[in-house]
Amino acid sequence: MAALFTGKVLMANREEDKMETERELDRALENKVLLLYFGSGQCPRCRQFSLLLKDFFVRLTDEFYVERASQLGLVYVSRDETEEQQSAFLRSMPRRWLAVPFGDTFKRELELRFAVSEVPAVVVLKPNGEVIVGNAVEEIRRMGPACFRNWQEAAELVDRNFLLAEDFDDWSRRSITDPIRRLKYKLDKKKEKNKERKEEGEETS
């Protein structure tokens, strides 16, 4: 999915941070269903739908509602008239939302690429960038969080439990105690060698 944003910048944490590198984008978007939300905080229809989308996203990703967050990401592509309007809107939305920076011409590229002519619009994408749903606004209104299951199946997501197990194993091998264990191993080896030399010296004398 990061390929869609190669060479681009996304705002994270309500504009507190910028994610620019491929590695950062991979970490944020890899193995997830991605929603591109085209909207505006000033549009009455968008304001109404945004509250619905906020609840939809929170119910799928907040551990208050689910045992573990769903593999779901969202990038806000705004039609706000000013940067202040975009910032104000994002402050009222979930912190996990990402956004295309205000004034970035990439927004227009995305609108053209996904044939977005009016807002609100939600384009649902597989991790490889293929479109699952061209505009899921009505589906989200009608089905709520239940429609994520259909997207998840269509996206053929790798089970995150499997990924977490792999990550944990990898993390364990490279944990903070690793250097200490390696140092202890070296010291033990050194002691064994010194002991062997001592014993050899005693035998020759």
Protein backbone atom coordinates (compact mmCIF):
# COMPACT_ATOMS: atom_id res chain seq x y z
CA MET A 1 0.00 0.00 0.00
CA ALA A 2 2.89 2.34 0.72
CA ALA A 3 3.62 2.24 -3.04
CA LEU A 4 0.60 4.49 -3.59
CA PHE A 5 2.29 7.10 -1.39
CA THR A 6 5.90 6.64 -2.54
CA GLY A 7 7.63 10.01 -2.52
CA LYS A 8 4.66 11.61 -0.75
CA VAL A 9 4.13 12.91 2.77
CA LEU A 10 1.28 11.96 5.07
CA MET A 11 0.39 13.73 8.30
CA ALA A 12 0.10 11.62 11.42
CA ASN A 13 -1.15 12.31 14.94
CA ARG A 14 -3.26 15.27 13.86
CA GLU A 15 -0.41 17.05 12.11
CA GLU A 16 2.09 16.62 14.96
CA ASP A 17 4.27 14.33 12.89
CA LYS A 18 5.01 13.76 9.22
CA MET A 19 5.50 10.30 7.79
CA GLU A 20 7.77 10.61 4.80
CA THR A 21 9.86 7.48 4.52
CA GLU A 22 8.76 4.27 2.88
CA ARG A 23 9.50 2.41 6.11
CA GLU A 24 7.19 4.67 8.16
CA LEU A 25 4.42 4.33 5.61
CA ASP A 26 4.86 0.55 5.47
CA ARG A 27 4.53 0.35 9.23
CA ALA A 28 1.34 2.43 9.16
CA LEU A 29 -0.35 0.85 6.13
CA GLU A 30 1.07 -2.64 5.56
CA ASN A 31 -1.38 -5.57 5.58
CA LYS A 32 -4.40 -3.32 6.14
CA VAL A 33 -7.59 -2.41 4.37
CA LEU A 34 -7.17 1.30 3.61
CA LEU A 35 -9.97 3.84 3.43
CA LEU A 36 -9.38 7.03 1.48
CA TYR A 37 -11.88 9.50 2.89
CA PHE A 38 -12.60 12.43 0.60
CA GLY A 39 -14.50 15.07 2.53
CA SER A 40 -14.69 18.55 4.01
CA GLY A 41 -15.38 19.79 7.50
CA GLN A 42 -17.49 22.60 6.00
CA CYS A 43 -19.80 20.41 3.92
CA PRO A 44 -23.07 19.62 5.82
CA ARG A 45 -23.36 16.13 4.27
CA CYS A 46 -19.71 15.43 5.15
CA ARG A 47 -20.14 16.62 8.73
CA GLN A 48 -23.05 14.26 9.21
CA PHE A 49 -21.24 11.33 7.59
CA SER A 50 -17.94 12.08 9.38
CA LEU A 51 -19.57 11.41 12.76
CA LEU A 52 -20.78 8.08 11.42
CA LEU A 53 -17.35 7.25 9.96
CA LYS A 54 -15.65 8.23 13.22
CA ASP A 55 -17.87 5.82 15.16
CA PHE A 56 -17.34 3.15 12.48
CA PHE A 57 -13.54 3.48 12.72
CA VAL A 58 -13.45 3.61 16.53
CA ARG A 59 -15.65 0.53 16.91
CA LEU A 60 -13.23 -1.43 14.70
CA THR A 61 -9.93 -0.14 16.10
CA ASP A 62 -10.46 0.97 19.71
CA GLU A 63 -9.70 -1.72 22.30
CA PHE A 64 -12.63 -0.45 24.36
CA TYR A 65 -14.88 -2.08 21.73
CA VAL A 66 -12.73 -4.87 20.30
CA GLU A 67 -10.24 -7.31 21.76
CA ARG A 68 -7.68 -6.28 19.16
CA ALA A 69 -7.79 -3.51 16.58
CA SER A 70 -8.91 -4.47 13.09
CA GLN A 71 -6.43 -4.21 10.25
CA LEU A 72 -7.83 -0.91 9.07
CA GLY A 73 -6.20 2.38 8.10
CA LEU A 74 -7.67 5.68 6.97
CA VAL A 75 -6.22 8.61 5.03
CA TYR A 76 -8.21 11.86 4.96
CA VAL A 77 -8.10 13.66 1.63
CA SER A 78 -9.70 17.02 2.33
CA ARG A 79 -11.52 19.60 0.30
CA ASP A 80 -11.28 22.08 3.13
CA GLU A 81 -10.77 25.69 2.07
CA THR A 82 -8.07 26.52 4.61
CA GLU A 83 -5.40 24.68 6.57
CA GLU A 84 -7.09 25.81 9.81
CA GLN A 85 -10.35 24.18 8.73
CA GLN A 86 -8.56 20.91 7.96
CA SER A 87 -6.70 21.01 11.30
CA ALA A 88 -9.89 21.73 13.25
CA PHE A 89 -11.69 18.87 11.53
CA LEU A 90 -8.87 16.38 12.18
CA ARG A 91 -8.68 17.34 15.86
CA SER A 92 -12.27 16.12 16.22
CA MET A 93 -11.48 12.77 14.57
CA PRO A 94 -9.58 9.66 15.79
CA ARG A 95 -5.86 10.15 16.39
CA ARG A 96 -5.02 7.13 14.20
CA TRP A 97 -6.32 8.86 11.09
CA LEU A 98 -3.68 10.00 8.62
CA ALA A 99 -4.07 12.89 6.20
CA VAL A 100 -2.66 14.28 2.98
CA PRO A 101 -1.16 17.68 3.93
CA PHE A 102 -3.22 20.76 3.11
CA GLY A 103 -2.34 22.26 -0.27
CA ASP A 104 -0.61 19.11 -1.52
CA THR A 105 -1.39 18.61 -5.23
CA PHE A 106 -1.38 14.86 -4.58
CA LYS A 107 -4.98 15.28 -3.39
CA ARG A 108 -6.04 16.13 -6.93
CA GLU A 109 -4.12 13.13 -8.27
CA LEU A 110 -6.04 10.85 -5.90
CA GLU A 111 -9.38 12.38 -6.90
CA LEU A 112 -8.63 11.77 -10.57
CA ARG A 113 -7.20 8.30 -10.03
CA PHE A 114 -10.25 7.09 -8.11
CA ALA A 115 -12.81 9.15 -10.07
CA VAL A 116 -14.05 11.09 -7.05
CA SER A 117 -16.40 13.85 -8.21
CA GLU A 118 -18.34 14.63 -5.05
CA VAL A 119 -17.95 14.33 -1.29
CA PRO A 120 -18.30 12.53 0.99
CA ALA A 121 -16.63 9.57 -0.69
CA VAL A 122 -14.82 6.58 0.79
CA VAL A 123 -12.61 4.48 -1.49
CA VAL A 124 -11.76 1.08 0.00
CA LEU A 125 -8.42 -0.41 -1.06
CA LYS A 126 -6.61 -3.71 -0.66
CA PRO A 127 -3.05 -3.62 0.77
CA ASN A 128 -1.73 -3.83 -2.82
CA GLY A 129 -3.73 -0.73 -3.84
CA GLU A 130 -6.50 -2.50 -5.76
CA VAL A 131 -10.00 -1.07 -5.29
CA ILE A 132 -12.46 -3.15 -3.25
CA VAL A 133 -15.25 -0.56 -3.24
CA GLY A 134 -15.26 2.61 -5.34
CA ASN A 135 -17.42 4.51 -2.83
CA ALA A 136 -18.47 2.81 0.40
CA VAL A 137 -20.45 5.69 1.91
CA GLU A 138 -23.85 4.00 1.49
CA GLU A 139 -22.49 0.61 2.56
CA ILE A 140 -21.09 2.12 5.78
CA ARG A 141 -24.39 3.90 6.43
CA ARG A 142 -26.38 0.73 5.83
CA MET A 143 -24.23 -1.95 7.47
CA GLY A 144 -21.93 -0.15 9.87
CA PRO A 145 -18.82 -2.03 11.11
CA ALA A 146 -20.25 -5.33 9.78
CA CYS A 147 -19.12 -4.43 6.24
CA PHE A 148 -15.46 -4.61 7.30
CA ARG A 149 -15.64 -8.42 7.31
CA ASN A 150 -16.48 -8.42 3.58
CA TRP A 151 -13.57 -6.08 2.85
CA GLN A 152 -11.23 -8.16 4.97
CA GLU A 153 -12.09 -11.29 2.98
CA ALA A 154 -11.78 -9.45 -0.35
CA ALA A 155 -8.40 -8.05 0.69
CA GLU A 156 -7.11 -11.53 1.69
CA LEU A 157 -5.28 -10.06 4.66
CA VAL A 158 -2.54 -12.12 6.28
CA ASP A 159 -3.68 -13.11 9.77
CA ARG A 160 -2.14 -10.52 12.04
CA ASN A 161 -1.86 -13.05 14.89
CA PHE A 162 0.66 -14.92 12.73
CA LEU A 163 2.56 -11.69 12.04
CA LEU A 164 2.56 -10.77 15.70
CA ALA A 165 3.95 -14.18 16.62
CA GLU A 166 6.75 -13.73 14.09
CA ASP A 167 7.42 -10.20 15.28
CA PHE A 168 7.52 -11.39 18.87
CA ASP A 169 10.00 -14.16 18.06
CA ASP A 170 12.15 -11.68 16.18
CA TRP A 171 11.90 -9.19 19.01
CA SER A 172 12.82 -11.87 21.55
CA ARG A 173 15.95 -12.72 19.60
CA ARG A 174 16.95 -9.07 19.49
CA SER A 175 15.64 -8.00 22.89
CA ILE A 176 17.43 -5.60 25.20
CA THR A 177 18.91 -8.47 27.22
CA ASP A 178 20.58 -9.93 24.14
CA PRO A 179 23.87 -7.99 24.50
CA ILE A 180 24.02 -9.00 28.18
CA ARG A 181 23.49 -12.67 27.32
CA ARG A 182 26.15 -12.48 24.62
CA LEU A 183 28.59 -10.81 27.03
CA LYS A 184 27.90 -13.46 29.70
CA TYR A 185 28.43 -16.18 27.10
CA LYS A 186 31.79 -14.66 26.14
CA LEU A 187 32.87 -14.39 29.78
CA ASP A 188 31.85 -18.01 30.48
CA LYS A 189 33.84 -19.12 27.43
CA LYS A 190 36.83 -17.13 28.63
CA LYS A 191 36.64 -18.75 32.07
CA GLU A 192 36.50 -22.21 30.49
CA LYS A 193 39.58 -21.48 28.36
CA ASN A 194 41.52 -20.16 31.36
CA LYS A 195 40.53 -23.23 33.35
CA GLU A 196 41.70 -25.52 30.55
CA ARG A 197 45.05 -23.71 30.33
CA LYS A 198 45.48 -23.96 34.10
CA GLU A 199 44.77 -27.68 34.06
CA GLU A 200 47.17 -28.16 31.15
CA GLY A 201 49.86 -26.23 33.06
CA GLU A 202 49.36 -28.40 36.15
CA GLU A 203 49.62 -31.58 34.07
CA THR A 204 52.90 -30.50 32.39
CA SER A 205 54.47 -29.53 35.72
